[in-house]
Amino acid sequence: MALDVKKIQSLSEQSITDLKTIEKLGDLEHLEELNNELKKVLDSGELEGINPMLPPYIVQIRKNIGFMIGNYRSTKTHAVNRSKDLMQLNEQLSHIKR
């Protein structure tokens, strides 16, 4: 199988566009605010008086939101880094004569 520089460059450019879309997404600030507000409500101890099932339910929701925010930040970081990698790859490929 021969190295198809043009195809790799084209796919790299398309991939960079996809990664740039991920980079431009917001920071999930509303989810972070919700997570903080739920923590305040949990810390206040009011929920037990309303419904004893609420605290463990909200703890689980907070855990999942925290996990999702962490994954989201990691994905954005990877998008930035992989965009740079692909740009460098395209730069290297541009020197290959085919």
N, C-alpha and C. Protein backbone atom coordinates (compact mmCIF):
# COMPACT_ATOMS: atom_id res chain seq x y z
N MET A 1 0.85 -1.18 0.00
CA MET A 1 0.00 0.00 0.00
C MET A 1 0.89 1.24 0.00
N ALA A 2 0.64 2.11 -0.91
CA ALA A 2 1.45 3.32 -1.05
C ALA A 2 0.93 4.43 -0.14
N LEU A 3 1.83 5.27 0.24
CA LEU A 3 1.48 6.43 1.07
C LEU A 3 0.72 7.44 0.21
N ASP A 4 -0.53 7.70 0.57
CA ASP A 4 -1.35 8.67 -0.16
C ASP A 4 -1.34 9.98 0.63
N VAL A 5 -0.34 10.80 0.35
CA VAL A 5 -0.12 12.05 1.09
C VAL A 5 -1.33 12.96 0.99
N LYS A 6 -1.87 13.10 -0.20
CA LYS A 6 -3.00 14.01 -0.41
C LYS A 6 -4.22 13.58 0.41
N LYS A 7 -4.47 12.29 0.44
CA LYS A 7 -5.62 11.78 1.20
C LYS A 7 -5.41 12.01 2.69
N ILE A 8 -4.22 11.73 3.18
CA ILE A 8 -3.93 11.93 4.60
C ILE A 8 -4.04 13.41 4.95
N GLN A 9 -3.52 14.28 4.09
CA GLN A 9 -3.62 15.71 4.34
C GLN A 9 -5.07 16.17 4.35
N SER A 10 -5.85 15.68 3.42
CA SER A 10 -7.26 16.05 3.35
C SER A 10 -8.02 15.59 4.60
N LEU A 11 -7.81 14.35 4.98
CA LEU A 11 -8.46 13.83 6.19
C LEU A 11 -7.98 14.55 7.44
N SER A 12 -6.71 14.91 7.46
CA SER A 12 -6.17 15.66 8.60
C SER A 12 -6.84 17.02 8.71
N GLU A 13 -7.00 17.70 7.57
CA GLU A 13 -7.66 19.01 7.57
C GLU A 13 -9.10 18.90 8.05
N GLN A 14 -9.80 17.88 7.59
CA GLN A 14 -11.18 17.66 8.03
C GLN A 14 -11.22 17.35 9.53
N SER A 15 -10.26 16.58 9.99
CA SER A 15 -10.19 16.24 11.42
C SER A 15 -9.89 17.47 12.25
N ILE A 16 -9.01 18.32 11.76
CA ILE A 16 -8.69 19.57 12.47
C ILE A 16 -9.95 20.42 12.61
N THR A 17 -10.75 20.47 11.55
CA THR A 17 -12.01 21.22 11.61
C THR A 17 -12.93 20.64 12.69
N ASP A 18 -13.03 19.32 12.76
CA ASP A 18 -13.83 18.67 13.80
C ASP A 18 -13.31 19.02 15.19
N LEU A 19 -12.00 18.95 15.35
CA LEU A 19 -11.39 19.23 16.65
C LEU A 19 -11.57 20.69 17.05
N LYS A 20 -11.50 21.59 16.08
CA LYS A 20 -11.72 23.02 16.37
C LYS A 20 -13.15 23.25 16.85
N THR A 21 -14.09 22.48 16.33
CA THR A 21 -15.48 22.58 16.79
C THR A 21 -15.57 22.21 18.26
N ILE A 22 -14.89 21.16 18.65
CA ILE A 22 -14.88 20.75 20.06
C ILE A 22 -14.24 21.84 20.91
N GLU A 23 -13.15 22.43 20.44
CA GLU A 23 -12.46 23.48 21.19
C GLU A 23 -13.37 24.68 21.45
N LYS A 24 -14.26 24.98 20.51
CA LYS A 24 -15.10 26.18 20.62
C LYS A 24 -16.30 26.00 21.54
N LEU A 25 -16.58 24.78 21.94
CA LEU A 25 -17.73 24.55 22.82
C LEU A 25 -17.54 25.28 24.14
N GLY A 26 -18.62 25.62 24.78
CA GLY A 26 -18.57 26.35 26.05
C GLY A 26 -17.95 25.53 27.16
N ASP A 27 -17.95 26.11 28.35
CA ASP A 27 -17.28 25.47 29.49
C ASP A 27 -18.24 24.78 30.46
N LEU A 28 -19.49 24.56 30.07
CA LEU A 28 -20.48 23.90 30.92
C LEU A 28 -20.69 24.65 32.23
N GLU A 29 -20.64 25.98 32.16
CA GLU A 29 -20.74 26.78 33.38
C GLU A 29 -22.05 26.56 34.12
N HIS A 30 -23.14 26.29 33.40
CA HIS A 30 -24.42 26.07 34.08
C HIS A 30 -24.41 24.76 34.87
N LEU A 31 -23.79 23.74 34.30
CA LEU A 31 -23.67 22.48 35.04
C LEU A 31 -22.80 22.65 36.28
N GLU A 32 -21.74 23.43 36.15
CA GLU A 32 -20.88 23.67 37.31
C GLU A 32 -21.63 24.45 38.39
N GLU A 33 -22.43 25.43 37.97
CA GLU A 33 -23.23 26.19 38.94
C GLU A 33 -24.25 25.28 39.62
N LEU A 34 -24.91 24.43 38.83
CA LEU A 34 -25.87 23.49 39.40
C LEU A 34 -25.19 22.57 40.40
N ASN A 35 -24.04 22.06 40.05
CA ASN A 35 -23.30 21.17 40.94
C ASN A 35 -22.96 21.87 42.26
N ASN A 36 -22.53 23.12 42.17
CA ASN A 36 -22.21 23.90 43.38
C ASN A 36 -23.46 24.15 44.22
N GLU A 37 -24.57 24.45 43.56
CA GLU A 37 -25.81 24.72 44.28
C GLU A 37 -26.31 23.45 44.97
N LEU A 38 -26.21 22.32 44.30
CA LEU A 38 -26.61 21.06 44.92
C LEU A 38 -25.73 20.73 46.12
N LYS A 39 -24.46 21.07 46.05
CA LYS A 39 -23.57 20.86 47.20
C LYS A 39 -24.01 21.70 48.39
N LYS A 40 -24.37 22.96 48.13
CA LYS A 40 -24.83 23.84 49.22
C LYS A 40 -26.08 23.26 49.88
N VAL A 41 -27.02 22.77 49.06
CA VAL A 41 -28.25 22.20 49.60
C VAL A 41 -27.94 20.95 50.41
N LEU A 42 -27.04 20.12 49.92
CA LEU A 42 -26.65 18.92 50.66
C LEU A 42 -26.00 19.28 51.99
N ASP A 43 -25.10 20.26 51.95
CA ASP A 43 -24.38 20.66 53.16
C ASP A 43 -25.30 21.29 54.20
N SER A 44 -26.40 21.88 53.75
CA SER A 44 -27.32 22.54 54.69
C SER A 44 -28.09 21.53 55.53
N GLY A 45 -28.24 20.31 55.04
CA GLY A 45 -28.98 19.29 55.78
C GLY A 45 -30.48 19.40 55.65
N GLU A 46 -30.98 20.32 54.85
CA GLU A 46 -32.43 20.53 54.70
C GLU A 46 -33.13 19.36 53.99
N LEU A 47 -32.41 18.67 53.14
CA LEU A 47 -33.05 17.66 52.31
C LEU A 47 -33.62 16.49 53.10
N GLU A 48 -32.95 16.11 54.19
CA GLU A 48 -33.45 14.98 54.99
C GLU A 48 -34.85 15.26 55.50
N GLY A 49 -35.12 16.51 55.87
CA GLY A 49 -36.44 16.88 56.36
C GLY A 49 -37.50 16.86 55.28
N ILE A 50 -37.11 17.10 54.06
CA ILE A 50 -38.06 17.10 52.94
C ILE A 50 -38.34 15.67 52.49
N ASN A 51 -37.27 14.92 52.26
CA ASN A 51 -37.41 13.54 51.82
C ASN A 51 -36.07 12.85 52.08
N PRO A 52 -36.06 11.81 52.91
CA PRO A 52 -34.80 11.15 53.25
C PRO A 52 -34.12 10.46 52.05
N MET A 53 -34.84 10.29 50.96
CA MET A 53 -34.26 9.67 49.77
C MET A 53 -33.50 10.68 48.91
N LEU A 54 -33.74 11.97 49.12
CA LEU A 54 -33.10 12.99 48.29
C LEU A 54 -31.59 13.08 48.44
N PRO A 55 -31.05 13.07 49.65
CA PRO A 55 -29.58 13.23 49.76
C PRO A 55 -28.77 12.21 48.96
N PRO A 56 -29.05 10.90 49.07
CA PRO A 56 -28.24 9.97 48.27
C PRO A 56 -28.45 10.15 46.76
N TYR A 57 -29.66 10.53 46.39
CA TYR A 57 -29.95 10.76 44.98
C TYR A 57 -29.15 11.95 44.46
N ILE A 58 -29.11 13.02 45.21
CA ILE A 58 -28.37 14.22 44.80
C ILE A 58 -26.87 13.97 44.85
N VAL A 59 -26.40 13.18 45.80
CA VAL A 59 -24.98 12.82 45.84
C VAL A 59 -24.60 12.11 44.54
N GLN A 60 -25.45 11.19 44.10
CA GLN A 60 -25.19 10.45 42.86
C GLN A 60 -25.20 11.39 41.65
N ILE A 61 -26.15 12.30 41.61
CA ILE A 61 -26.22 13.27 40.51
C ILE A 61 -24.96 14.12 40.49
N ARG A 62 -24.52 14.61 41.65
CA ARG A 62 -23.31 15.44 41.72
C ARG A 62 -22.08 14.65 41.26
N LYS A 63 -22.02 13.40 41.66
CA LYS A 63 -20.89 12.56 41.25
C LYS A 63 -20.85 12.43 39.73
N ASN A 64 -22.01 12.18 39.12
CA ASN A 64 -22.07 12.03 37.66
C ASN A 64 -21.78 13.34 36.94
N ILE A 65 -22.27 14.45 37.46
CA ILE A 65 -21.99 15.75 36.86
C ILE A 65 -20.49 16.04 36.94
N GLY A 66 -19.90 15.78 38.10
CA GLY A 66 -18.46 16.01 38.26
C GLY A 66 -17.64 15.16 37.30
N PHE A 67 -18.04 13.91 37.14
CA PHE A 67 -17.35 13.01 36.22
C PHE A 67 -17.47 13.53 34.78
N MET A 68 -18.68 13.96 34.41
CA MET A 68 -18.90 14.47 33.06
C MET A 68 -18.10 15.74 32.80
N ILE A 69 -18.05 16.65 33.75
CA ILE A 69 -17.28 17.89 33.59
C ILE A 69 -15.80 17.56 33.42
N GLY A 70 -15.30 16.63 34.21
CA GLY A 70 -13.90 16.22 34.08
C GLY A 70 -13.59 15.62 32.71
N ASN A 71 -14.48 14.74 32.24
CA ASN A 71 -14.30 14.15 30.91
C ASN A 71 -14.37 15.20 29.82
N TYR A 72 -15.27 16.13 29.97
CA TYR A 72 -15.44 17.20 28.99
C TYR A 72 -14.18 18.05 28.89
N ARG A 73 -13.65 18.42 30.04
CA ARG A 73 -12.41 19.22 30.04
C ARG A 73 -11.26 18.43 29.41
N SER A 74 -11.19 17.16 29.73
CA SER A 74 -10.14 16.32 29.16
C SER A 74 -10.29 16.22 27.64
N THR A 75 -11.51 16.06 27.17
CA THR A 75 -11.75 15.99 25.73
C THR A 75 -11.35 17.28 25.03
N LYS A 76 -11.68 18.42 25.65
CA LYS A 76 -11.29 19.70 25.05
C LYS A 76 -9.77 19.83 25.00
N THR A 77 -9.09 19.41 26.05
CA THR A 77 -7.62 19.46 26.07
C THR A 77 -7.05 18.57 24.97
N HIS A 78 -7.61 17.37 24.84
CA HIS A 78 -7.15 16.46 23.77
C HIS A 78 -7.40 17.07 22.40
N ALA A 79 -8.53 17.74 22.22
CA ALA A 79 -8.84 18.36 20.92
C ALA A 79 -7.79 19.40 20.57
N VAL A 80 -7.41 20.22 21.54
CA VAL A 80 -6.38 21.24 21.30
C VAL A 80 -5.06 20.58 20.93
N ASN A 81 -4.67 19.59 21.71
CA ASN A 81 -3.38 18.93 21.48
C ASN A 81 -3.34 18.15 20.17
N ARG A 82 -4.43 17.45 19.84
CA ARG A 82 -4.45 16.68 18.60
C ARG A 82 -4.50 17.61 17.38
N SER A 83 -5.14 18.77 17.51
CA SER A 83 -5.12 19.75 16.41
C SER A 83 -3.70 20.16 16.10
N LYS A 84 -2.94 20.43 17.15
CA LYS A 84 -1.54 20.81 16.96
C LYS A 84 -0.75 19.67 16.31
N ASP A 85 -0.99 18.44 16.79
CA ASP A 85 -0.30 17.28 16.21
C ASP A 85 -0.60 17.14 14.73
N LEU A 86 -1.87 17.29 14.36
CA LEU A 86 -2.25 17.12 12.96
C LEU A 86 -1.71 18.25 12.09
N MET A 87 -1.64 19.45 12.63
CA MET A 87 -1.04 20.55 11.87
C MET A 87 0.44 20.27 11.62
N GLN A 88 1.12 19.73 12.63
CA GLN A 88 2.54 19.39 12.46
C GLN A 88 2.70 18.25 11.45
N LEU A 89 1.80 17.28 11.50
CA LEU A 89 1.83 16.18 10.54
C LEU A 89 1.67 16.72 9.12
N ASN A 90 0.70 17.59 8.93
CA ASN A 90 0.49 18.17 7.59
C ASN A 90 1.70 18.96 7.13
N GLU A 91 2.34 19.64 8.05
CA GLU A 91 3.56 20.38 7.71
C GLU A 91 4.64 19.42 7.23
N GLN A 92 4.81 18.31 7.93
CA GLN A 92 5.81 17.32 7.53
C GLN A 92 5.45 16.69 6.18
N LEU A 93 4.18 16.40 6.00
CA LEU A 93 3.75 15.78 4.74
C LEU A 93 3.90 16.72 3.56
N SER A 94 3.82 18.01 3.81
CA SER A 94 3.93 18.98 2.70
C SER A 94 5.33 18.95 2.07
N HIS A 95 6.30 18.40 2.76
CA HIS A 95 7.66 18.33 2.23
C HIS A 95 7.91 17.05 1.42
N ILE A 96 6.95 16.15 1.44
CA ILE A 96 7.10 14.90 0.69
C ILE A 96 6.64 15.14 -0.74
N LYS A 97 7.47 14.77 -1.66
CA LYS A 97 7.15 14.93 -3.09
C LYS A 97 6.57 13.62 -3.60
N ARG A 98 5.36 13.66 -4.08
CA ARG A 98 4.70 12.45 -4.62
C ARG A 98 4.01 12.78 -5.91
